Amino acid sequence: MQHSTYRNRRLIALAVIGDALVFVLFIALTPIEHGSVEIAAFWRTGLPFAGVWLLASPWLGAFRVSTLTRPHLAVWRIPLIWLGCGIVAVMLRVWLTDRTFSWTFTVVSISLVAAMLLTWRLLLLLAARRVTPD
């Protein structure tokens, strides 16, 4: 029992760290679209997106052990939880930065982050299974 509790905590910690890095990577990809690196983008977009995800998603089940260890749960929970968090994050970004709402930005950013989060989480799940098979 001790081993499994330790393993679960380590898995959750890795998921939190990896999720945070997903948002850093998402912001780092903006130069591809906009042609220049904007440090302000980390605060303007990254903080609302990562903040909403890291504060709300644990309560919605994104860091449950079942979500971290069962692909059939991860493939629908992560995108669904991110959809709700992403909508809140976009609204928060619009409000905090006094920017106009953009459907294009909303759809692209929510879709891209969903794909990145899901890909990362599935890779984590596969790695965890290889290290400690059930």
C-alpha atoms as a PDB file:
ATOM      1  CA  MET A   1       0.000   0.000   0.000  1.00  0.00           C
ATOM      2  CA  GLN A   2       2.851   2.382   0.841  1.00  0.00           C
ATOM      3  CA  HIS A   3       4.475   1.818  -2.550  1.00  0.00           C
ATOM      4  CA  SER A   4       1.283   2.506  -4.478  1.00  0.00           C
ATOM      5  CA  THR A   5       0.574   5.711  -2.509  1.00  0.00           C
ATOM      6  CA  TYR A   6       4.103   6.958  -3.196  1.00  0.00           C
ATOM      7  CA  ARG A   7       3.782   6.007  -6.879  1.00  0.00           C
ATOM      8  CA  ASN A   8       0.446   7.810  -7.152  1.00  0.00           C
ATOM      9  CA  ARG A   9       1.790  10.981  -5.546  1.00  0.00           C
ATOM     10  CA  ARG A  10       4.813  10.919  -7.821  1.00  0.00           C
ATOM     11  CA  LEU A  11       2.553  10.428 -10.852  1.00  0.00           C
ATOM     12  CA  ILE A  12       0.362  13.364  -9.817  1.00  0.00           C
ATOM     13  CA  ALA A  13       3.438  15.566  -9.251  1.00  0.00           C
ATOM     14  CA  LEU A  14       4.776  14.652 -12.701  1.00  0.00           C
ATOM     15  CA  ALA A  15       1.395  15.465 -14.241  1.00  0.00           C
ATOM     16  CA  VAL A  16       1.342  18.892 -12.572  1.00  0.00           C
ATOM     17  CA  ILE A  17       4.886  19.712 -13.696  1.00  0.00           C
ATOM     18  CA  GLY A  18       4.265  18.434 -17.217  1.00  0.00           C
ATOM     19  CA  ASP A  19       0.979  20.296 -17.510  1.00  0.00           C
ATOM     20  CA  ALA A  20       2.697  23.539 -16.466  1.00  0.00           C
ATOM     21  CA  LEU A  21       5.352  22.903 -19.114  1.00  0.00           C
ATOM     22  CA  VAL A  22       2.619  22.385 -21.720  1.00  0.00           C
ATOM     23  CA  PHE A  23       1.502  25.967 -21.120  1.00  0.00           C
ATOM     24  CA  VAL A  24       5.083  27.244 -21.356  1.00  0.00           C
ATOM     25  CA  LEU A  25       5.456  25.374 -24.651  1.00  0.00           C
ATOM     26  CA  PHE A  26       2.129  26.749 -25.901  1.00  0.00           C
ATOM     27  CA  ILE A  27       3.323  30.310 -25.268  1.00  0.00           C
ATOM     28  CA  ALA A  28       6.740  29.523 -26.719  1.00  0.00           C
ATOM     29  CA  LEU A  29       5.010  28.535 -29.975  1.00  0.00           C
ATOM     30  CA  THR A  30       3.585  32.049 -30.452  1.00  0.00           C
ATOM     31  CA  PRO A  31       6.656  33.277 -32.359  1.00  0.00           C
ATOM     32  CA  ILE A  32       5.783  30.740 -35.056  1.00  0.00           C
ATOM     33  CA  GLU A  33       2.435  32.479 -35.550  1.00  0.00           C
ATOM     34  CA  HIS A  34       3.415  36.064 -34.792  1.00  0.00           C
ATOM     35  CA  GLY A  35       7.041  36.156 -35.908  1.00  0.00           C
ATOM     36  CA  SER A  36       8.535  37.457 -32.676  1.00  0.00           C
ATOM     37  CA  VAL A  37       8.987  36.438 -29.080  1.00  0.00           C
ATOM     38  CA  GLU A  38       6.866  38.423 -26.663  1.00  0.00           C
ATOM     39  CA  ILE A  39       7.754  38.019 -23.012  1.00  0.00           C
ATOM     40  CA  ALA A  40       4.452  39.722 -22.192  1.00  0.00           C
ATOM     41  CA  ALA A  41       2.667  36.766 -23.821  1.00  0.00           C
ATOM     42  CA  PHE A  42       3.798  34.564 -20.949  1.00  0.00           C
ATOM     43  CA  TRP A  43       1.899  36.799 -18.530  1.00  0.00           C
ATOM     44  CA  ARG A  44      -0.955  37.858 -20.807  1.00  0.00           C
ATOM     45  CA  THR A  45      -1.888  34.393 -22.042  1.00  0.00           C
ATOM     46  CA  GLY A  46       0.149  31.845 -20.138  1.00  0.00           C
ATOM     47  CA  LEU A  47      -0.814  32.956 -16.668  1.00  0.00           C
ATOM     48  CA  PRO A  48      -4.604  32.905 -17.191  1.00  0.00           C
ATOM     49  CA  PHE A  49      -4.456  29.612 -19.107  1.00  0.00           C
ATOM     50  CA  ALA A  50      -2.113  27.791 -16.733  1.00  0.00           C
ATOM     51  CA  GLY A  51      -3.666  29.403 -13.675  1.00  0.00           C
ATOM     52  CA  VAL A  52      -7.213  28.347 -14.465  1.00  0.00           C
ATOM     53  CA  TRP A  53      -6.082  24.834 -15.409  1.00  0.00           C
ATOM     54  CA  LEU A  54      -3.883  24.283 -12.362  1.00  0.00           C
ATOM     55  CA  LEU A  55      -6.452  25.737  -9.943  1.00  0.00           C
ATOM     56  CA  ALA A  56      -9.684  24.272 -11.343  1.00  0.00           C
ATOM     57  CA  SER A  57      -8.762  20.998 -13.053  1.00  0.00           C
ATOM     58  CA  PRO A  58      -7.801  19.097  -9.884  1.00  0.00           C
ATOM     59  CA  TRP A  59     -11.323  19.676  -8.566  1.00  0.00           C
ATOM     60  CA  LEU A  60     -12.761  18.477 -11.879  1.00  0.00           C
ATOM     61  CA  GLY A  61     -10.811  15.204 -11.934  1.00  0.00           C
ATOM     62  CA  ALA A  62      -7.825  15.923 -14.161  1.00  0.00           C
ATOM     63  CA  PHE A  63      -5.378  14.687 -11.536  1.00  0.00           C
ATOM     64  CA  ARG A  64      -7.320  11.684 -10.293  1.00  0.00           C
ATOM     65  CA  VAL A  65      -5.244   8.538 -10.361  1.00  0.00           C
ATOM     66  CA  SER A  66      -7.874   6.956 -12.623  1.00  0.00           C
ATOM     67  CA  THR A  67      -7.400   9.761 -15.176  1.00  0.00           C
ATOM     68  CA  LEU A  68      -3.629   9.357 -14.964  1.00  0.00           C
ATOM     69  CA  THR A  69      -3.638   5.573 -15.369  1.00  0.00           C
ATOM     70  CA  ARG A  70      -6.556   4.721 -17.658  1.00  0.00           C
ATOM     71  CA  PRO A  71      -6.371   5.895 -21.272  1.00  0.00           C
ATOM     72  CA  HIS A  72     -10.094   5.454 -21.897  1.00  0.00           C
ATOM     73  CA  LEU A  73     -10.780   7.983 -19.122  1.00  0.00           C
ATOM     74  CA  ALA A  74      -7.986  10.367 -20.065  1.00  0.00           C
ATOM     75  CA  VAL A  75      -9.075  10.686 -23.705  1.00  0.00           C
ATOM     76  CA  TRP A  76     -12.407  12.231 -22.781  1.00  0.00           C
ATOM     77  CA  ARG A  77     -11.750  13.798 -19.364  1.00  0.00           C
ATOM     78  CA  ILE A  78      -8.715  15.892 -20.280  1.00  0.00           C
ATOM     79  CA  PRO A  79     -10.242  17.578 -23.374  1.00  0.00           C
ATOM     80  CA  LEU A  80     -13.600  18.083 -21.647  1.00  0.00           C
ATOM     81  CA  ILE A  81     -12.063  19.571 -18.505  1.00  0.00           C
ATOM     82  CA  TRP A  82      -9.768  21.740 -20.623  1.00  0.00           C
ATOM     83  CA  LEU A  83     -12.706  22.979 -22.717  1.00  0.00           C
ATOM     84  CA  GLY A  84     -14.353  24.392 -19.593  1.00  0.00           C
ATOM     85  CA  CYS A  85     -11.081  25.723 -18.195  1.00  0.00           C
ATOM     86  CA  GLY A  86     -10.069  27.130 -21.581  1.00  0.00           C
ATOM     87  CA  ILE A  87     -13.299  29.090 -21.962  1.00  0.00           C
ATOM     88  CA  VAL A  88     -12.866  30.572 -18.488  1.00  0.00           C
ATOM     89  CA  ALA A  89      -9.186  31.320 -19.235  1.00  0.00           C
ATOM     90  CA  VAL A  90     -10.006  33.123 -22.492  1.00  0.00           C
ATOM     91  CA  MET A  91     -12.651  35.215 -20.728  1.00  0.00           C
ATOM     92  CA  LEU A  92     -10.202  35.976 -17.921  1.00  0.00           C
ATOM     93  CA  ARG A  93      -7.550  36.953 -20.463  1.00  0.00           C
ATOM     94  CA  VAL A  94      -9.979  39.280 -22.252  1.00  0.00           C
ATOM     95  CA  TRP A  95     -10.995  40.873 -18.952  1.00  0.00           C
ATOM     96  CA  LEU A  96      -7.467  41.218 -17.497  1.00  0.00           C
ATOM     97  CA  THR A  97      -5.817  42.525 -20.650  1.00  0.00           C
ATOM     98  CA  ASP A  98      -8.734  44.598 -21.949  1.00  0.00           C
ATOM     99  CA  ARG A  99      -8.400  42.868 -25.308  1.00  0.00           C
ATOM    100  CA  THR A 100     -11.271  42.167 -27.648  1.00  0.00           C
ATOM    101  CA  PHE A 101     -12.682  38.662 -27.829  1.00  0.00           C
ATOM    102  CA  SER A 102     -11.507  36.686 -30.858  1.00  0.00           C
ATOM    103  CA  TRP A 103     -13.211  33.493 -31.986  1.00  0.00           C
ATOM    104  CA  THR A 104     -10.140  32.515 -33.981  1.00  0.00           C
ATOM    105  CA  PHE A 105      -7.829  32.851 -30.983  1.00  0.00           C
ATOM    106  CA  THR A 106     -10.325  31.025 -28.773  1.00  0.00           C
ATOM    107  CA  VAL A 107     -10.824  28.046 -31.066  1.00  0.00           C
ATOM    108  CA  VAL A 108      -7.150  27.708 -31.993  1.00  0.00           C
ATOM    109  CA  SER A 109      -5.808  28.108 -28.468  1.00  0.00           C
ATOM    110  CA  ILE A 110      -8.348  25.807 -26.841  1.00  0.00           C
ATOM    111  CA  SER A 111      -7.869  23.158 -29.533  1.00  0.00           C
ATOM    112  CA  LEU A 112      -4.080  23.347 -29.498  1.00  0.00           C
ATOM    113  CA  VAL A 113      -3.792  23.204 -25.710  1.00  0.00           C
ATOM    114  CA  ALA A 114      -6.289  20.313 -25.569  1.00  0.00           C
ATOM    115  CA  ALA A 115      -4.180  18.368 -28.063  1.00  0.00           C
ATOM    116  CA  MET A 116      -0.962  19.194 -26.210  1.00  0.00           C
ATOM    117  CA  LEU A 117      -2.370  18.286 -22.784  1.00  0.00           C
ATOM    118  CA  LEU A 118      -3.855  15.042 -24.049  1.00  0.00           C
ATOM    119  CA  THR A 119      -0.676  14.053 -25.903  1.00  0.00           C
ATOM    120  CA  TRP A 120       1.467  14.780 -22.843  1.00  0.00           C
ATOM    121  CA  ARG A 121      -0.872  12.915 -20.527  1.00  0.00           C
ATOM    122  CA  LEU A 122      -0.998   9.843 -22.785  1.00  0.00           C
ATOM    123  CA  LEU A 123       2.811   9.831 -23.002  1.00  0.00           C
ATOM    124  CA  LEU A 124       2.973  10.061 -19.198  1.00  0.00           C
ATOM    125  CA  LEU A 125       0.486   7.216 -18.911  1.00  0.00           C
ATOM    126  CA  LEU A 126       2.516   5.017 -21.271  1.00  0.00           C
ATOM    127  CA  ALA A 127       5.768   5.820 -19.449  1.00  0.00           C
ATOM    128  CA  ALA A 128       4.205   5.078 -16.064  1.00  0.00           C
ATOM    129  CA  ARG A 129       2.967   1.729 -17.317  1.00  0.00           C
ATOM    130  CA  ARG A 130       6.418   0.782 -18.591  1.00  0.00           C
ATOM    131  CA  VAL A 131       8.102   1.729 -15.323  1.00  0.00           C
ATOM    132  CA  THR A 132       5.526   0.136 -13.014  1.00  0.00           C
ATOM    133  CA  PRO A 133       3.179  -2.247 -14.819  1.00  0.00           C
ATOM    134  CA  ASP A 134      -0.120  -2.944 -13.038  1.00  0.00           C
END
